[in-house]
Amino acid sequence: GKSEFVPLRHEVGKSFDQVKVSWHLLSSSVGDTGDGVPGSYAPNT
């Protein structure tokens, strides 16, 4: 339920063409290597 604003500043003469977002790192277990495997997924969107 928390929000965060991230200002994206490009270099002079350059611009962004895409932004990649990831927030769940799959791993065999929960810990420093990742967030583990989800127990369930949404049946659709």
ModelCIF file with pLDDT and N, C-alpha, C, O atoms, coordinates in Angstrom:
data_MODEL
#
_entry.id   MODEL 
#
_entity.id                         1 
_entity.type                       polymer 
_entity.pdbx_number_of_molecules   1 
#
_entity_poly.entity_id                      1 
_entity_poly.type                           'polypeptide(L)' 
_entity_poly.nstd_linkage                   no 
_entity_poly.nstd_monomer                   no 
_entity_poly.pdbx_seq_one_letter_code       GKSEFVPLRHEVGKSFDQVKVSWHLLSSSVGDTGDGVPGSYAPNT 
_entity_poly.pdbx_seq_one_letter_code_can   GKSEFVPLRHEVGKSFDQVKVSWHLLSSSVGDTGDGVPGSYAPNT 
_entity_poly.pdbx_strand_id                 A 
#
loop_
_entity_poly_seq.entity_id 
_entity_poly_seq.num 
_entity_poly_seq.mon_id 
_entity_poly_seq.hetero 
1 1  GLY n 
1 2  LYS n 
1 3  SER n 
1 4  GLU n 
1 5  PHE n 
1 6  VAL n 
1 7  PRO n 
1 8  LEU n 
1 9  ARG n 
1 10 HIS n 
1 11 GLU n 
1 12 VAL n 
1 13 GLY n 
1 14 LYS n 
1 15 SER n 
1 16 PHE n 
1 17 ASP n 
1 18 GLN n 
1 19 VAL n 
1 20 LYS n 
1 21 VAL n 
1 22 SER n 
1 23 TRP n 
1 24 HIS n 
1 25 LEU n 
1 26 LEU n 
1 27 SER n 
1 28 SER n 
1 29 SER n 
1 30 VAL n 
1 31 GLY n 
1 32 ASP n 
1 33 THR n 
1 34 GLY n 
1 35 ASP n 
1 36 GLY n 
1 37 VAL n 
1 38 PRO n 
1 39 GLY n 
1 40 SER n 
1 41 TYR n 
1 42 ALA n 
1 43 PRO n 
1 44 ASN n 
1 45 THR n 
#
_struct_asym.id          A 
_struct_asym.entity_id   1 
#
loop_
_ma_qa_metric.id 
_ma_qa_metric.mode 
_ma_qa_metric.name 
_ma_qa_metric.software_group_id 
_ma_qa_metric.type 
1 global pLDDT . pLDDT 
2 local  pLDDT . pLDDT 
#
_ma_qa_metric_global.metric_id      1 
_ma_qa_metric_global.metric_value   78.11 
_ma_qa_metric_global.model_id       1 
_ma_qa_metric_global.ordinal_id     1 
#
loop_
_ma_qa_metric_local.label_asym_id 
_ma_qa_metric_local.label_comp_id 
_ma_qa_metric_local.label_seq_id 
_ma_qa_metric_local.metric_id 
_ma_qa_metric_local.metric_value 
_ma_qa_metric_local.model_id 
_ma_qa_metric_local.ordinal_id 
A GLY 1  2 75.00 1 1  
A LYS 2  2 80.00 1 2  
A SER 3  2 84.00 1 3  
A GLU 4  2 84.00 1 4  
A PHE 5  2 85.00 1 5  
A VAL 6  2 83.00 1 6  
A PRO 7  2 82.00 1 7  
A LEU 8  2 81.00 1 8  
A ARG 9  2 77.00 1 9  
A HIS 10 2 75.00 1 10 
A GLU 11 2 72.00 1 11 
A VAL 12 2 70.00 1 12 
A GLY 13 2 75.00 1 13 
A LYS 14 2 76.00 1 14 
A SER 15 2 77.00 1 15 
A PHE 16 2 76.00 1 16 
A ASP 17 2 78.00 1 17 
A GLN 18 2 80.00 1 18 
A VAL 19 2 81.00 1 19 
A LYS 20 2 83.00 1 20 
A VAL 21 2 84.00 1 21 
A SER 22 2 82.00 1 22 
A TRP 23 2 83.00 1 23 
A HIS 24 2 80.00 1 24 
A LEU 25 2 80.00 1 25 
A LEU 26 2 79.00 1 26 
A SER 27 2 82.00 1 27 
A SER 28 2 82.00 1 28 
A SER 29 2 81.00 1 29 
A VAL 30 2 79.00 1 30 
A GLY 31 2 76.00 1 31 
A ASP 32 2 74.00 1 32 
A THR 33 2 76.00 1 33 
A GLY 34 2 78.00 1 34 
A ASP 35 2 80.00 1 35 
A GLY 36 2 81.00 1 36 
A VAL 37 2 83.00 1 37 
A PRO 38 2 83.00 1 38 
A GLY 39 2 81.00 1 39 
A SER 40 2 79.00 1 40 
A TYR 41 2 78.00 1 41 
A ALA 42 2 70.00 1 42 
A PRO 43 2 65.00 1 43 
A ASN 44 2 65.00 1 44 
A THR 45 2 60.00 1 45 
#
loop_
_atom_site.group_PDB 
_atom_site.id 
_atom_site.type_symbol 
_atom_site.label_atom_id 
_atom_site.label_alt_id 
_atom_site.label_comp_id 
_atom_site.label_asym_id 
_atom_site.label_entity_id 
_atom_site.label_seq_id 
_atom_site.pdbx_PDB_ins_code 
_atom_site.Cartn_x 
_atom_site.Cartn_y 
_atom_site.Cartn_z 
_atom_site.occupancy 
_atom_site.B_iso_or_equiv 
_atom_site.pdbx_formal_charge 
_atom_site.auth_seq_id 
_atom_site.auth_comp_id 
_atom_site.auth_asym_id 
_atom_site.auth_atom_id 
_atom_site.pdbx_PDB_model_num 
ATOM 1   N N  . GLY A 1 1  ? 0.789  -1.231  0.000   1.00 75.00 ? 1  GLY A N  1 
ATOM 2   C CA . GLY A 1 1  ? 0.000  0.000   0.000   1.00 75.00 ? 1  GLY A CA 1 
ATOM 3   C C  . GLY A 1 1  ? 0.816  1.273   0.000   1.00 75.00 ? 1  GLY A C  1 
ATOM 4   O O  . GLY A 1 1  ? 0.251  2.356   0.159   1.00 75.00 ? 1  GLY A O  1 
ATOM 5   N N  . LYS A 1 2  ? 2.123  1.184   -0.172  1.00 80.00 ? 2  LYS A N  1 
ATOM 6   C CA . LYS A 1 2  ? 2.975  2.361   -0.159  1.00 80.00 ? 2  LYS A CA 1 
ATOM 7   C C  . LYS A 1 2  ? 3.325  2.774   -1.587  1.00 80.00 ? 2  LYS A C  1 
ATOM 8   O O  . LYS A 1 2  ? 3.358  1.947   -2.498  1.00 80.00 ? 2  LYS A O  1 
ATOM 9   N N  . SER A 1 3  ? 3.583  4.064   -1.762  1.00 84.00 ? 3  SER A N  1 
ATOM 10  C CA . SER A 1 3  ? 3.951  4.593   -3.068  1.00 84.00 ? 3  SER A CA 1 
ATOM 11  C C  . SER A 1 3  ? 5.301  5.285   -2.978  1.00 84.00 ? 3  SER A C  1 
ATOM 12  O O  . SER A 1 3  ? 5.701  5.777   -1.923  1.00 84.00 ? 3  SER A O  1 
ATOM 13  N N  . GLU A 1 4  ? 5.980  5.311   -4.093  1.00 84.00 ? 4  GLU A N  1 
ATOM 14  C CA . GLU A 1 4  ? 7.273  5.985   -4.155  1.00 84.00 ? 4  GLU A CA 1 
ATOM 15  C C  . GLU A 1 4  ? 7.424  6.644   -5.511  1.00 84.00 ? 4  GLU A C  1 
ATOM 16  O O  . GLU A 1 4  ? 7.111  6.048   -6.541  1.00 84.00 ? 4  GLU A O  1 
ATOM 17  N N  . PHE A 1 5  ? 7.905  7.880   -5.506  1.00 85.00 ? 5  PHE A N  1 
ATOM 18  C CA . PHE A 1 5  ? 8.134  8.623   -6.734  1.00 85.00 ? 5  PHE A CA 1 
ATOM 19  C C  . PHE A 1 5  ? 9.618  8.558   -7.071  1.00 85.00 ? 5  PHE A C  1 
ATOM 20  O O  . PHE A 1 5  ? 10.472 8.864   -6.239  1.00 85.00 ? 5  PHE A O  1 
ATOM 21  N N  . VAL A 1 6  ? 9.908  8.155   -8.302  1.00 83.00 ? 6  VAL A N  1 
ATOM 22  C CA . VAL A 1 6  ? 11.293 8.033   -8.747  1.00 83.00 ? 6  VAL A CA 1 
ATOM 23  C C  . VAL A 1 6  ? 11.491 8.969   -9.939  1.00 83.00 ? 6  VAL A C  1 
ATOM 24  O O  . VAL A 1 6  ? 10.985 8.683   -11.025 1.00 83.00 ? 6  VAL A O  1 
ATOM 25  N N  . PRO A 1 7  ? 12.208 10.072  -9.769  1.00 82.00 ? 7  PRO A N  1 
ATOM 26  C CA . PRO A 1 7  ? 12.464 10.971  -10.909 1.00 82.00 ? 7  PRO A CA 1 
ATOM 27  C C  . PRO A 1 7  ? 13.462 10.346  -11.873 1.00 82.00 ? 7  PRO A C  1 
ATOM 28  O O  . PRO A 1 7  ? 14.529 9.890   -11.462 1.00 82.00 ? 7  PRO A O  1 
ATOM 29  N N  . LEU A 1 8  ? 13.116 10.324  -13.149 1.00 81.00 ? 8  LEU A N  1 
ATOM 30  C CA . LEU A 1 8  ? 13.984 9.780   -14.189 1.00 81.00 ? 8  LEU A CA 1 
ATOM 31  C C  . LEU A 1 8  ? 14.607 10.923  -14.959 1.00 81.00 ? 8  LEU A C  1 
ATOM 32  O O  . LEU A 1 8  ? 13.920 11.641  -15.685 1.00 81.00 ? 8  LEU A O  1 
ATOM 33  N N  . ARG A 1 9  ? 15.897 11.090  -14.804 1.00 77.00 ? 9  ARG A N  1 
ATOM 34  C CA . ARG A 1 9  ? 16.612 12.178  -15.483 1.00 77.00 ? 9  ARG A CA 1 
ATOM 35  C C  . ARG A 1 9  ? 17.574 11.570  -16.501 1.00 77.00 ? 9  ARG A C  1 
ATOM 36  O O  . ARG A 1 9  ? 18.396 10.720  -16.160 1.00 77.00 ? 9  ARG A O  1 
ATOM 37  N N  . HIS A 1 10 ? 17.464 12.007  -17.734 1.00 75.00 ? 10 HIS A N  1 
ATOM 38  C CA . HIS A 1 10 ? 18.316 11.460  -18.787 1.00 75.00 ? 10 HIS A CA 1 
ATOM 39  C C  . HIS A 1 10 ? 19.552 12.343  -18.987 1.00 75.00 ? 10 HIS A C  1 
ATOM 40  O O  . HIS A 1 10 ? 19.607 13.493  -18.550 1.00 75.00 ? 10 HIS A O  1 
ATOM 41  N N  . GLU A 1 11 ? 20.527 11.760  -19.656 1.00 72.00 ? 11 GLU A N  1 
ATOM 42  C CA . GLU A 1 11 ? 21.722 12.511  -19.984 1.00 72.00 ? 11 GLU A CA 1 
ATOM 43  C C  . GLU A 1 11 ? 21.414 13.536  -21.067 1.00 72.00 ? 11 GLU A C  1 
ATOM 44  O O  . GLU A 1 11 ? 20.441 13.409  -21.811 1.00 72.00 ? 11 GLU A O  1 
ATOM 45  N N  . VAL A 1 12 ? 22.256 14.544  -21.136 1.00 70.00 ? 12 VAL A N  1 
ATOM 46  C CA . VAL A 1 12 ? 22.068 15.590  -22.145 1.00 70.00 ? 12 VAL A CA 1 
ATOM 47  C C  . VAL A 1 12 ? 22.193 14.977  -23.536 1.00 70.00 ? 12 VAL A C  1 
ATOM 48  O O  . VAL A 1 12 ? 23.155 14.268  -23.834 1.00 70.00 ? 12 VAL A O  1 
ATOM 49  N N  . GLY A 1 13 ? 21.208 15.260  -24.376 1.00 75.00 ? 13 GLY A N  1 
ATOM 50  C CA . GLY A 1 13 ? 21.226 14.742  -25.735 1.00 75.00 ? 13 GLY A CA 1 
ATOM 51  C C  . GLY A 1 13 ? 20.687 13.341  -25.874 1.00 75.00 ? 13 GLY A C  1 
ATOM 52  O O  . GLY A 1 13 ? 20.672 12.800  -26.980 1.00 75.00 ? 13 GLY A O  1 
ATOM 53  N N  . LYS A 1 14 ? 20.236 12.725  -24.775 1.00 76.00 ? 14 LYS A N  1 
ATOM 54  C CA . LYS A 1 14 ? 19.684 11.382  -24.826 1.00 76.00 ? 14 LYS A CA 1 
ATOM 55  C C  . LYS A 1 14 ? 18.296 11.381  -24.201 1.00 76.00 ? 14 LYS A C  1 
ATOM 56  O O  . LYS A 1 14 ? 17.911 12.345  -23.540 1.00 76.00 ? 14 LYS A O  1 
ATOM 57  N N  . SER A 1 15 ? 17.540 10.298  -24.408 1.00 77.00 ? 15 SER A N  1 
ATOM 58  C CA . SER A 1 15 ? 16.195 10.181  -23.845 1.00 77.00 ? 15 SER A CA 1 
ATOM 59  C C  . SER A 1 15 ? 15.899 8.713   -23.568 1.00 77.00 ? 15 SER A C  1 
ATOM 60  O O  . SER A 1 15 ? 16.609 7.827   -24.044 1.00 77.00 ? 15 SER A O  1 
ATOM 61  N N  . PHE A 1 16 ? 14.845 8.462   -22.794 1.00 76.00 ? 16 PHE A N  1 
ATOM 62  C CA . PHE A 1 16 ? 14.431 7.094   -22.478 1.00 76.00 ? 16 PHE A CA 1 
ATOM 63  C C  . PHE A 1 16 ? 13.558 6.553   -23.605 1.00 76.00 ? 16 PHE A C  1 
ATOM 64  O O  . PHE A 1 16 ? 12.701 7.263   -24.131 1.00 76.00 ? 16 PHE A O  1 
ATOM 65  N N  . ASP A 1 17 ? 13.780 5.290   -23.973 1.00 78.00 ? 17 ASP A N  1 
ATOM 66  C CA . ASP A 1 17 ? 12.880 4.643   -24.929 1.00 78.00 ? 17 ASP A CA 1 
ATOM 67  C C  . ASP A 1 17 ? 12.121 3.490   -24.292 1.00 78.00 ? 17 ASP A C  1 
ATOM 68  O O  . ASP A 1 17 ? 11.170 2.987   -24.889 1.00 78.00 ? 17 ASP A O  1 
ATOM 69  N N  . GLN A 1 18 ? 12.515 3.053   -23.087 1.00 80.00 ? 18 GLN A N  1 
ATOM 70  C CA . GLN A 1 18 ? 11.774 2.023   -22.373 1.00 80.00 ? 18 GLN A CA 1 
ATOM 71  C C  . GLN A 1 18 ? 12.178 2.033   -20.897 1.00 80.00 ? 18 GLN A C  1 
ATOM 72  O O  . GLN A 1 18 ? 13.267 2.472   -20.527 1.00 80.00 ? 18 GLN A O  1 
ATOM 73  N N  . VAL A 1 19 ? 11.263 1.533   -20.077 1.00 81.00 ? 19 VAL A N  1 
ATOM 74  C CA . VAL A 1 19 ? 11.501 1.387   -18.636 1.00 81.00 ? 19 VAL A CA 1 
ATOM 75  C C  . VAL A 1 19 ? 11.126 -0.037  -18.257 1.00 81.00 ? 19 VAL A C  1 
ATOM 76  O O  . VAL A 1 19 ? 9.996  -0.461  -18.499 1.00 81.00 ? 19 VAL A O  1 
ATOM 77  N N  . LYS A 1 20 ? 12.043 -0.773  -17.673 1.00 83.00 ? 20 LYS A N  1 
ATOM 78  C CA . LYS A 1 20 ? 11.798 -2.152  -17.272 1.00 83.00 ? 20 LYS A CA 1 
ATOM 79  C C  . LYS A 1 20 ? 11.558 -2.191  -15.769 1.00 83.00 ? 20 LYS A C  1 
ATOM 80  O O  . LYS A 1 20 ? 12.365 -1.679  -14.993 1.00 83.00 ? 20 LYS A O  1 
ATOM 81  N N  . VAL A 1 21 ? 10.444 -2.803  -15.356 1.00 84.00 ? 21 VAL A N  1 
ATOM 82  C CA . VAL A 1 21 ? 10.061 -2.876  -13.946 1.00 84.00 ? 21 VAL A CA 1 
ATOM 83  C C  . VAL A 1 21 ? 10.015 -4.337  -13.516 1.00 84.00 ? 21 VAL A C  1 
ATOM 84  O O  . VAL A 1 21 ? 9.377  -5.152  -14.182 1.00 84.00 ? 21 VAL A O  1 
ATOM 85  N N  . SER A 1 22 ? 10.672 -4.678  -12.430 1.00 82.00 ? 22 SER A N  1 
ATOM 86  C CA . SER A 1 22 ? 10.591 -6.024  -11.855 1.00 82.00 ? 22 SER A CA 1 
ATOM 87  C C  . SER A 1 22 ? 10.480 -5.893  -10.348 1.00 82.00 ? 22 SER A C  1 
ATOM 88  O O  . SER A 1 22 ? 11.074 -4.992  -9.755  1.00 82.00 ? 22 SER A O  1 
ATOM 89  N N  . TRP A 1 23 ? 9.719  -6.791  -9.720  1.00 83.00 ? 23 TRP A N  1 
ATOM 90  C CA . TRP A 1 23 ? 9.490  -6.647  -8.285  1.00 83.00 ? 23 TRP A CA 1 
ATOM 91  C C  . TRP A 1 23 ? 9.379  -7.980  -7.551  1.00 83.00 ? 23 TRP A C  1 
ATOM 92  O O  . TRP A 1 23 ? 9.124  -7.995  -6.347  1.00 83.00 ? 23 TRP A O  1 
ATOM 93  N N  . HIS A 1 24 ? 9.565  -9.101  -8.254  1.00 80.00 ? 24 HIS A N  1 
ATOM 94  C CA . HIS A 1 24 ? 9.552  -10.406 -7.593  1.00 80.00 ? 24 HIS A CA 1 
ATOM 95  C C  . HIS A 1 24 ? 10.625 -11.274 -8.223  1.00 80.00 ? 24 HIS A C  1 
ATOM 96  O O  . HIS A 1 24 ? 10.524 -11.644 -9.392  1.00 80.00 ? 24 HIS A O  1 
ATOM 97  N N  . LEU A 1 25 ? 11.651 -11.599 -7.454  1.00 80.00 ? 25 LEU A N  1 
ATOM 98  C CA . LEU A 1 25 ? 12.761 -12.396 -7.959  1.00 80.00 ? 25 LEU A CA 1 
ATOM 99  C C  . LEU A 1 25 ? 12.533 -13.856 -7.598  1.00 80.00 ? 25 LEU A C  1 
ATOM 100 O O  . LEU A 1 25 ? 12.574 -14.220 -6.422  1.00 80.00 ? 25 LEU A O  1 
ATOM 101 N N  . LEU A 1 26 ? 12.294 -14.695 -8.601  1.00 79.00 ? 26 LEU A N  1 
ATOM 102 C CA . LEU A 1 26 ? 12.039 -16.115 -8.364  1.00 79.00 ? 26 LEU A CA 1 
ATOM 103 C C  . LEU A 1 26 ? 13.306 -16.811 -7.865  1.00 79.00 ? 26 LEU A C  1 
ATOM 104 O O  . LEU A 1 26 ? 14.398 -16.595 -8.390  1.00 79.00 ? 26 LEU A O  1 
ATOM 105 N N  . SER A 1 27 ? 13.139 -17.637 -6.858  1.00 82.00 ? 27 SER A N  1 
ATOM 106 C CA . SER A 1 27 ? 14.248 -18.425 -6.316  1.00 82.00 ? 27 SER A CA 1 
ATOM 107 C C  . SER A 1 27 ? 13.677 -19.658 -5.630  1.00 82.00 ? 27 SER A C  1 
ATOM 108 O O  . SER A 1 27 ? 12.476 -19.735 -5.374  1.00 82.00 ? 27 SER A O  1 
ATOM 109 N N  . SER A 1 28 ? 14.536 -20.610 -5.338  1.00 82.00 ? 28 SER A N  1 
ATOM 110 C CA . SER A 1 28 ? 14.079 -21.854 -4.720  1.00 82.00 ? 28 SER A CA 1 
ATOM 111 C C  . SER A 1 28 ? 13.592 -21.642 -3.293  1.00 82.00 ? 28 SER A C  1 
ATOM 112 O O  . SER A 1 28 ? 12.757 -22.405 -2.808  1.00 82.00 ? 28 SER A O  1 
ATOM 113 N N  . SER A 1 29 ? 14.097 -20.626 -2.618  1.00 81.00 ? 29 SER A N  1 
ATOM 114 C CA . SER A 1 29 ? 13.696 -20.340 -1.241  1.00 81.00 ? 29 SER A CA 1 
ATOM 115 C C  . SER A 1 29 ? 13.698 -18.842 -1.025  1.00 81.00 ? 29 SER A C  1 
ATOM 116 O O  . SER A 1 29 ? 14.271 -18.084 -1.807  1.00 81.00 ? 29 SER A O  1 
ATOM 117 N N  . VAL A 1 30 ? 13.046 -18.427 0.051   1.00 79.00 ? 30 VAL A N  1 
ATOM 118 C CA . VAL A 1 30 ? 12.992 -17.006 0.393   1.00 79.00 ? 30 VAL A CA 1 
ATOM 119 C C  . VAL A 1 30 ? 14.248 -16.636 1.176   1.00 79.00 ? 30 VAL A C  1 
ATOM 120 O O  . VAL A 1 30 ? 14.569 -17.268 2.182   1.00 79.00 ? 30 VAL A O  1 
ATOM 121 N N  . GLY A 1 31 ? 14.940 -15.629 0.717   1.00 76.00 ? 31 GLY A N  1 
ATOM 122 C CA . GLY A 1 31 ? 16.156 -15.219 1.403   1.00 76.00 ? 31 GLY A CA 1 
ATOM 123 C C  . GLY A 1 31 ? 16.911 -14.201 0.587   1.00 76.00 ? 31 GLY A C  1 
ATOM 124 O O  . GLY A 1 31 ? 16.322 -13.449 -0.190  1.00 76.00 ? 31 GLY A O  1 
ATOM 125 N N  . ASP A 1 32 ? 18.233 -14.178 0.768   1.00 74.00 ? 32 ASP A N  1 
ATOM 126 C CA . ASP A 1 32 ? 19.064 -13.210 0.071   1.00 74.00 ? 32 ASP A CA 1 
ATOM 127 C C  . ASP A 1 32 ? 19.094 -13.443 -1.428  1.00 74.00 ? 32 ASP A C  1 
ATOM 128 O O  . ASP A 1 32 ? 19.357 -12.515 -2.193  1.00 74.00 ? 32 ASP A O  1 
ATOM 129 N N  . THR A 1 33 ? 18.827 -14.677 -1.862  1.00 76.00 ? 33 THR A N  1 
ATOM 130 C CA . THR A 1 33 ? 18.903 -14.985 -3.284  1.00 76.00 ? 33 THR A CA 1 
ATOM 131 C C  . THR A 1 33 ? 17.621 -14.663 -4.038  1.00 76.00 ? 33 THR A C  1 
ATOM 132 O O  . THR A 1 33 ? 17.628 -14.641 -5.268  1.00 76.00 ? 33 THR A O  1 
ATOM 133 N N  . GLY A 1 34 ? 16.525 -14.413 -3.336  1.00 78.00 ? 34 GLY A N  1 
ATOM 134 C CA . GLY A 1 34 ? 15.275 -14.114 -4.023  1.00 78.00 ? 34 GLY A CA 1 
ATOM 135 C C  . GLY A 1 34 ? 14.078 -14.178 -3.104  1.00 78.00 ? 34 GLY A C  1 
ATOM 136 O O  . GLY A 1 34 ? 14.209 -14.330 -1.890  1.00 78.00 ? 34 GLY A O  1 
ATOM 137 N N  . ASP A 1 35 ? 12.894 -14.058 -3.712  1.00 80.00 ? 35 ASP A N  1 
ATOM 138 C CA . ASP A 1 35 ? 11.642 -13.988 -2.966  1.00 80.00 ? 35 ASP A CA 1 
ATOM 139 C C  . ASP A 1 35 ? 10.888 -15.308 -2.929  1.00 80.00 ? 35 ASP A C  1 
ATOM 140 O O  . ASP A 1 35 ? 9.765  -15.361 -2.429  1.00 80.00 ? 35 ASP A O  1 
ATOM 141 N N  . GLY A 1 36 ? 11.491 -16.382 -3.454  1.00 81.00 ? 36 GLY A N  1 
ATOM 142 C CA . GLY A 1 36 ? 10.829 -17.677 -3.449  1.00 81.00 ? 36 GLY A CA 1 
ATOM 143 C C  . GLY A 1 36 ? 9.848  -17.825 -4.602  1.00 81.00 ? 36 GLY A C  1 
ATOM 144 O O  . GLY A 1 36 ? 9.691  -16.918 -5.420  1.00 81.00 ? 36 GLY A O  1 
ATOM 145 N N  . VAL A 1 37 ? 9.190  -18.982 -4.659  1.00 83.00 ? 37 VAL A N  1 
ATOM 146 C CA . VAL A 1 37 ? 8.198  -19.268 -5.694  1.00 83.00 ? 37 VAL A CA 1 
ATOM 147 C C  . VAL A 1 37 ? 6.806  -19.000 -5.131  1.00 83.00 ? 37 VAL A C  1 
ATOM 148 O O  . VAL A 1 37 ? 6.473  -19.536 -4.074  1.00 83.00 ? 37 VAL A O  1 
ATOM 149 N N  . PRO A 1 38 ? 5.983  -18.195 -5.793  1.00 83.00 ? 38 PRO A N  1 
ATOM 150 C CA . PRO A 1 38 ? 4.638  -17.922 -5.278  1.00 83.00 ? 38 PRO A CA 1 
ATOM 151 C C  . PRO A 1 38 ? 3.835  -19.203 -5.109  1.00 83.00 ? 38 PRO A C  1 
ATOM 152 O O  . PRO A 1 38 ? 3.964  -20.139 -5.898  1.00 83.00 ? 38 PRO A O  1 
ATOM 153 N N  . GLY A 1 39 ? 3.006  -19.236 -4.074  1.00 81.00 ? 39 GLY A N  1 
ATOM 154 C CA . GLY A 1 39 ? 2.181  -20.411 -3.839  1.00 81.00 ? 39 GLY A CA 1 
ATOM 155 C C  . GLY A 1 39 ? 1.002  -20.490 -4.776  1.00 81.00 ? 39 GLY A C  1 
ATOM 156 O O  . GLY A 1 39 ? 0.532  -21.585 -5.086  1.00 81.00 ? 39 GLY A O  1 
ATOM 157 N N  . SER A 1 40 ? 0.510  -19.342 -5.237  1.00 79.00 ? 40 SER A N  1 
ATOM 158 C CA . SER A 1 40 ? -0.642 -19.304 -6.144  1.00 79.00 ? 40 SER A CA 1 
ATOM 159 C C  . SER A 1 40 ? -0.504 -18.102 -7.057  1.00 79.00 ? 40 SER A C  1 
ATOM 160 O O  . SER A 1 40 ? 0.132  -17.105 -6.716  1.00 79.00 ? 40 SER A O  1 
ATOM 161 N N  . TYR A 1 41 ? -1.122 -18.221 -8.237  1.00 78.00 ? 41 TYR A N  1 
ATOM 162 C CA . TYR A 1 41 ? -1.170 -17.109 -9.181  1.00 78.00 ? 41 TYR A CA 1 
ATOM 163 C C  . TYR A 1 41 ? -2.618 -16.739 -9.441  1.00 78.00 ? 41 TYR A C  1 
ATOM 164 O O  . TYR A 1 41 ? -3.537 -17.509 -9.163  1.00 78.00 ? 41 TYR A O  1 
ATOM 165 N N  . ALA A 1 42 ? -2.797 -15.563 -9.971  1.00 70.00 ? 42 ALA A N  1 
ATOM 166 C CA . ALA A 1 42 ? -4.144 -15.151 -10.357 1.00 70.00 ? 42 ALA A CA 1 
ATOM 167 C C  . ALA A 1 42 ? -4.625 -16.013 -11.515 1.00 70.00 ? 42 ALA A C  1 
ATOM 168 O O  . ALA A 1 42 ? -3.847 -16.305 -12.423 1.00 70.00 ? 42 ALA A O  1 
ATOM 169 N N  . PRO A 1 43 ? -5.896 -16.430 -11.507 1.00 65.00 ? 43 PRO A N  1 
ATOM 170 C CA . PRO A 1 43 ? -6.412 -17.256 -12.617 1.00 65.00 ? 43 PRO A CA 1 
ATOM 171 C C  . PRO A 1 43 ? -6.445 -16.499 -13.933 1.00 65.00 ? 43 PRO A C  1 
ATOM 172 O O  . PRO A 1 43 ? -6.441 -17.111 -15.001 1.00 65.00 ? 43 PRO A O  1 
ATOM 173 N N  . ASN A 1 44 ? -6.478 -15.184 -13.868 1.00 65.00 ? 44 ASN A N  1 
ATOM 174 C CA . ASN A 1 44 ? -6.440 -14.343 -15.072 1.00 65.00 ? 44 ASN A CA 1 
ATOM 175 C C  . ASN A 1 44 ? -5.903 -12.984 -14.645 1.00 65.00 ? 44 ASN A C  1 
ATOM 176 O O  . ASN A 1 44 ? -5.190 -12.882 -13.647 1.00 65.00 ? 44 ASN A O  1 
ATOM 177 N N  . THR A 1 45 ? -6.235 -11.961 -15.381 1.00 60.00 ? 45 THR A N  1 
ATOM 178 C CA . THR A 1 45 ? -5.735 -10.633 -15.039 1.00 60.00 ? 45 THR A CA 1 
ATOM 179 C C  . THR A 1 45 ? -6.513 -9.983  -13.908 1.00 60.00 ? 45 THR A C  1 
ATOM 180 O O  . THR A 1 45 ? -6.203 -8.859  -13.513 1.00 60.00 ? 45 THR A O  1 
#
